[in-house]
């Protein structure tokens, strides 16, 4: 997600290039290219959770986590996933 957003121009078109990405995505970020993602359930207080929260609100994401806990979903790298759009 970070790489696609970093490599996109203001019109949302991804352009070829090389280099390092210093983009930090957090709630309030305005996406130009990416409009959905498939991801797993991340650790609380992580930068990955901040990225996921940028698609919605932290409250909505934490509500999804609450439901996942109630339904005994598996978390982290080898756990269940969620689709966010």
N, C-alpha and C. Protein backbone atom coordinates (compact mmCIF):
# COMPACT_ATOMS: atom_id res chain seq x y z
N UNK A 1 0.84 -1.18 0.00
CA UNK A 1 0.00 0.00 0.00
C UNK A 1 0.88 1.25 0.00
N UNK A 2 1.86 1.27 0.88
CA UNK A 2 2.76 2.44 0.95
C UNK A 2 3.47 2.66 -0.38
N UNK A 3 3.98 1.59 -0.95
CA UNK A 3 4.73 1.71 -2.20
C UNK A 3 3.85 2.21 -3.33
N UNK A 4 2.64 1.67 -3.44
CA UNK A 4 1.73 2.12 -4.50
C UNK A 4 1.37 3.59 -4.32
N UNK A 5 1.09 3.99 -3.11
CA UNK A 5 0.76 5.39 -2.86
C UNK A 5 1.97 6.29 -3.12
N UNK A 6 3.14 5.84 -2.74
CA UNK A 6 4.35 6.63 -2.93
C UNK A 6 4.67 6.80 -4.42
N UNK A 7 4.40 5.75 -5.20
CA UNK A 7 4.74 5.77 -6.63
C UNK A 7 3.65 6.39 -7.49
N UNK A 8 2.58 6.86 -6.90
CA UNK A 8 1.49 7.42 -7.70
C UNK A 8 1.59 8.94 -7.78
N UNK A 9 1.15 9.44 -8.90
CA UNK A 9 1.08 10.89 -9.07
C UNK A 9 -0.25 11.38 -8.49
N UNK A 10 -0.48 12.68 -8.52
CA UNK A 10 -1.70 13.24 -7.94
C UNK A 10 -2.96 12.72 -8.61
N UNK A 11 -2.86 12.28 -9.87
CA UNK A 11 -4.03 11.76 -10.57
C UNK A 11 -4.29 10.29 -10.25
N UNK A 12 -3.49 9.69 -9.38
CA UNK A 12 -3.68 8.31 -8.97
C UNK A 12 -3.01 7.28 -9.86
N UNK A 13 -2.30 7.72 -10.87
CA UNK A 13 -1.60 6.81 -11.77
C UNK A 13 -0.24 6.44 -11.16
N UNK A 14 0.04 5.15 -11.08
CA UNK A 14 1.31 4.68 -10.54
C UNK A 14 2.36 4.77 -11.64
N UNK A 15 3.50 5.35 -11.31
CA UNK A 15 4.58 5.51 -12.28
C UNK A 15 5.79 4.68 -11.84
N UNK A 16 6.53 4.24 -12.82
CA UNK A 16 7.74 3.45 -12.59
C UNK A 16 8.82 4.31 -11.95
N UNK A 17 9.62 3.70 -11.12
CA UNK A 17 10.71 4.43 -10.51
C UNK A 17 11.51 3.53 -9.58
N UNK A 18 12.47 4.11 -8.93
CA UNK A 18 13.26 3.37 -7.95
C UNK A 18 13.65 4.32 -6.83
N UNK A 19 13.98 3.75 -5.70
CA UNK A 19 14.36 4.56 -4.56
C UNK A 19 13.72 4.04 -3.30
N UNK A 20 13.86 4.78 -2.24
CA UNK A 20 13.27 4.36 -0.98
C UNK A 20 12.00 5.17 -0.71
N UNK A 21 11.12 4.56 0.06
CA UNK A 21 9.82 5.16 0.36
C UNK A 21 9.84 5.67 1.80
N UNK A 22 9.55 6.95 1.97
CA UNK A 22 9.50 7.51 3.31
C UNK A 22 8.08 7.93 3.70
N UNK A 23 7.10 7.38 3.00
CA UNK A 23 5.70 7.72 3.25
C UNK A 23 5.20 7.04 4.52
N UNK A 24 4.57 7.79 5.40
CA UNK A 24 3.97 7.25 6.62
C UNK A 24 2.47 7.48 6.53
N UNK A 25 1.70 6.40 6.47
CA UNK A 25 0.25 6.50 6.32
C UNK A 25 -0.39 6.31 7.69
N UNK A 26 -1.23 7.25 8.07
CA UNK A 26 -1.91 7.22 9.37
C UNK A 26 -3.29 7.83 9.18
N UNK A 27 -4.18 7.71 10.18
CA UNK A 27 -5.53 8.26 10.02
C UNK A 27 -5.49 9.72 9.57
N UNK A 28 -6.30 10.01 8.57
CA UNK A 28 -6.33 11.35 7.99
C UNK A 28 -5.63 11.42 6.65
N UNK A 29 -4.82 10.40 6.33
CA UNK A 29 -4.13 10.36 5.04
C UNK A 29 -5.17 10.26 3.92
N UNK A 30 -4.96 10.99 2.83
CA UNK A 30 -5.87 10.97 1.68
C UNK A 30 -5.27 10.07 0.60
N UNK A 31 -5.86 8.90 0.43
CA UNK A 31 -5.37 7.94 -0.55
C UNK A 31 -5.59 8.46 -1.96
N UNK A 32 -4.59 8.23 -2.84
CA UNK A 32 -4.67 8.65 -4.23
C UNK A 32 -4.91 7.47 -5.16
N UNK A 33 -4.40 6.31 -4.81
CA UNK A 33 -4.44 5.15 -5.70
C UNK A 33 -5.17 3.96 -5.09
N UNK A 34 -4.79 3.59 -3.90
CA UNK A 34 -5.33 2.40 -3.26
C UNK A 34 -6.71 2.71 -2.68
N UNK A 35 -7.68 1.84 -2.97
CA UNK A 35 -9.02 2.06 -2.42
C UNK A 35 -9.53 0.85 -1.64
N UNK A 36 -8.69 -0.17 -1.48
CA UNK A 36 -9.05 -1.35 -0.70
C UNK A 36 -7.77 -2.12 -0.39
N UNK A 37 -7.85 -2.97 0.62
CA UNK A 37 -6.71 -3.84 0.90
C UNK A 37 -7.15 -5.06 1.68
N UNK A 38 -6.38 -6.11 1.51
CA UNK A 38 -6.55 -7.35 2.23
C UNK A 38 -5.40 -7.42 3.22
N UNK A 39 -5.72 -7.55 4.49
CA UNK A 39 -4.67 -7.54 5.52
C UNK A 39 -5.09 -8.44 6.67
N UNK A 40 -4.14 -8.77 7.51
CA UNK A 40 -4.47 -9.56 8.69
C UNK A 40 -4.71 -8.63 9.88
N UNK A 41 -5.00 -9.20 11.02
CA UNK A 41 -5.23 -8.42 12.23
C UNK A 41 -3.88 -8.14 12.89
N UNK A 42 -3.54 -6.87 13.04
CA UNK A 42 -2.23 -6.45 13.50
C UNK A 42 -2.20 -6.18 15.00
N UNK A 43 -1.00 -6.07 15.53
CA UNK A 43 -0.81 -5.76 16.94
C UNK A 43 -1.36 -4.38 17.27
N UNK A 44 -1.99 -4.24 18.43
CA UNK A 44 -2.43 -2.91 18.85
C UNK A 44 -1.22 -1.99 18.99
N UNK A 45 -1.42 -0.72 18.78
CA UNK A 45 -0.38 0.30 18.90
C UNK A 45 0.72 0.16 17.84
N UNK A 46 0.44 -0.57 16.76
CA UNK A 46 1.45 -0.72 15.71
C UNK A 46 1.20 0.27 14.58
N UNK A 47 2.25 0.53 13.81
CA UNK A 47 2.08 1.41 12.65
C UNK A 47 1.19 0.76 11.61
N UNK A 48 1.17 -0.57 11.55
CA UNK A 48 0.27 -1.25 10.61
C UNK A 48 -1.19 -1.02 10.98
N UNK A 49 -1.48 -0.99 12.27
CA UNK A 49 -2.85 -0.69 12.69
C UNK A 49 -3.21 0.74 12.33
N UNK A 50 -2.26 1.64 12.38
CA UNK A 50 -2.50 3.02 11.96
C UNK A 50 -2.82 3.09 10.47
N UNK A 51 -2.09 2.31 9.68
CA UNK A 51 -2.35 2.27 8.24
C UNK A 51 -3.76 1.76 7.97
N UNK A 52 -4.15 0.68 8.62
CA UNK A 52 -5.49 0.12 8.46
C UNK A 52 -6.54 1.15 8.89
N UNK A 53 -6.28 1.85 9.98
CA UNK A 53 -7.22 2.86 10.48
C UNK A 53 -7.38 4.03 9.52
N UNK A 54 -6.39 4.24 8.66
CA UNK A 54 -6.48 5.33 7.68
C UNK A 54 -7.58 5.07 6.66
N UNK A 55 -7.96 3.80 6.45
CA UNK A 55 -9.04 3.47 5.53
C UNK A 55 -10.40 3.77 6.14
N UNK A 56 -10.48 3.84 7.45
CA UNK A 56 -11.75 4.05 8.14
C UNK A 56 -11.48 4.98 9.31
N UNK A 57 -11.93 4.59 10.47
CA UNK A 57 -11.58 5.29 11.70
C UNK A 57 -11.01 4.27 12.67
N UNK A 58 -10.24 4.73 13.60
CA UNK A 58 -9.68 3.81 14.60
C UNK A 58 -10.81 3.10 15.33
N UNK A 59 -11.89 3.82 15.61
CA UNK A 59 -13.04 3.22 16.31
C UNK A 59 -13.64 2.07 15.50
N UNK A 60 -13.83 2.25 14.20
CA UNK A 60 -14.38 1.18 13.36
C UNK A 60 -13.46 -0.02 13.33
N UNK A 61 -12.17 0.23 13.22
CA UNK A 61 -11.21 -0.87 13.18
C UNK A 61 -11.20 -1.61 14.51
N UNK A 62 -11.22 -0.89 15.61
CA UNK A 62 -11.23 -1.55 16.92
C UNK A 62 -12.52 -2.32 17.14
N UNK A 63 -13.64 -1.84 16.60
CA UNK A 63 -14.89 -2.61 16.66
C UNK A 63 -14.76 -3.91 15.87
N UNK A 64 -14.09 -3.86 14.72
CA UNK A 64 -13.85 -5.08 13.94
C UNK A 64 -12.98 -6.05 14.75
N UNK A 65 -12.00 -5.52 15.46
CA UNK A 65 -11.14 -6.36 16.30
C UNK A 65 -11.95 -6.99 17.43
N UNK A 66 -12.85 -6.22 18.00
CA UNK A 66 -13.69 -6.75 19.09
C UNK A 66 -14.52 -7.92 18.58
N UNK A 67 -15.11 -7.77 17.40
CA UNK A 67 -15.89 -8.85 16.80
C UNK A 67 -14.99 -10.05 16.51
N UNK A 68 -13.80 -9.80 16.02
CA UNK A 68 -12.86 -10.89 15.72
C UNK A 68 -12.51 -11.67 16.98
N UNK A 69 -12.33 -10.97 18.08
CA UNK A 69 -12.03 -11.64 19.36
C UNK A 69 -13.22 -12.47 19.80
N UNK A 70 -14.42 -11.89 19.71
CA UNK A 70 -15.64 -12.62 20.11
C UNK A 70 -15.83 -13.89 19.28
N UNK A 71 -15.48 -13.83 18.01
CA UNK A 71 -15.66 -14.98 17.11
C UNK A 71 -14.42 -15.88 17.06
N UNK A 72 -13.44 -15.57 17.91
CA UNK A 72 -12.21 -16.35 18.06
C UNK A 72 -11.41 -16.44 16.76
N UNK A 73 -11.32 -15.33 16.04
CA UNK A 73 -10.45 -15.28 14.87
C UNK A 73 -9.00 -15.34 15.35
N UNK A 74 -8.13 -15.76 14.46
CA UNK A 74 -6.70 -15.81 14.78
C UNK A 74 -6.05 -14.51 14.32
N UNK A 75 -5.12 -14.01 15.11
CA UNK A 75 -4.49 -12.73 14.84
C UNK A 75 -3.05 -12.91 14.33
N UNK A 76 -2.51 -11.81 13.84
CA UNK A 76 -1.13 -11.64 13.42
C UNK A 76 -0.81 -12.40 12.13
N UNK A 77 0.43 -12.66 11.87
CA UNK A 77 0.91 -13.10 10.55
C UNK A 77 0.25 -14.36 10.01
N UNK A 78 -0.04 -15.32 10.85
CA UNK A 78 -0.60 -16.58 10.36
C UNK A 78 -2.07 -16.74 10.75
N UNK A 79 -2.72 -15.63 11.00
CA UNK A 79 -4.11 -15.68 11.42
C UNK A 79 -5.08 -15.37 10.30
N UNK A 80 -6.27 -14.97 10.69
CA UNK A 80 -7.32 -14.63 9.74
C UNK A 80 -7.05 -13.27 9.12
N UNK A 81 -7.75 -12.98 8.05
CA UNK A 81 -7.55 -11.72 7.33
C UNK A 81 -8.86 -10.96 7.24
N UNK A 82 -8.75 -9.69 6.87
CA UNK A 82 -9.93 -8.86 6.64
C UNK A 82 -9.74 -8.07 5.36
N UNK A 83 -10.85 -7.82 4.67
CA UNK A 83 -10.85 -7.02 3.46
C UNK A 83 -11.44 -5.67 3.82
N UNK A 84 -10.71 -4.61 3.54
CA UNK A 84 -11.15 -3.26 3.88
C UNK A 84 -11.30 -2.46 2.59
N UNK A 85 -12.46 -1.87 2.41
CA UNK A 85 -12.70 -1.04 1.21
C UNK A 85 -13.40 0.24 1.61
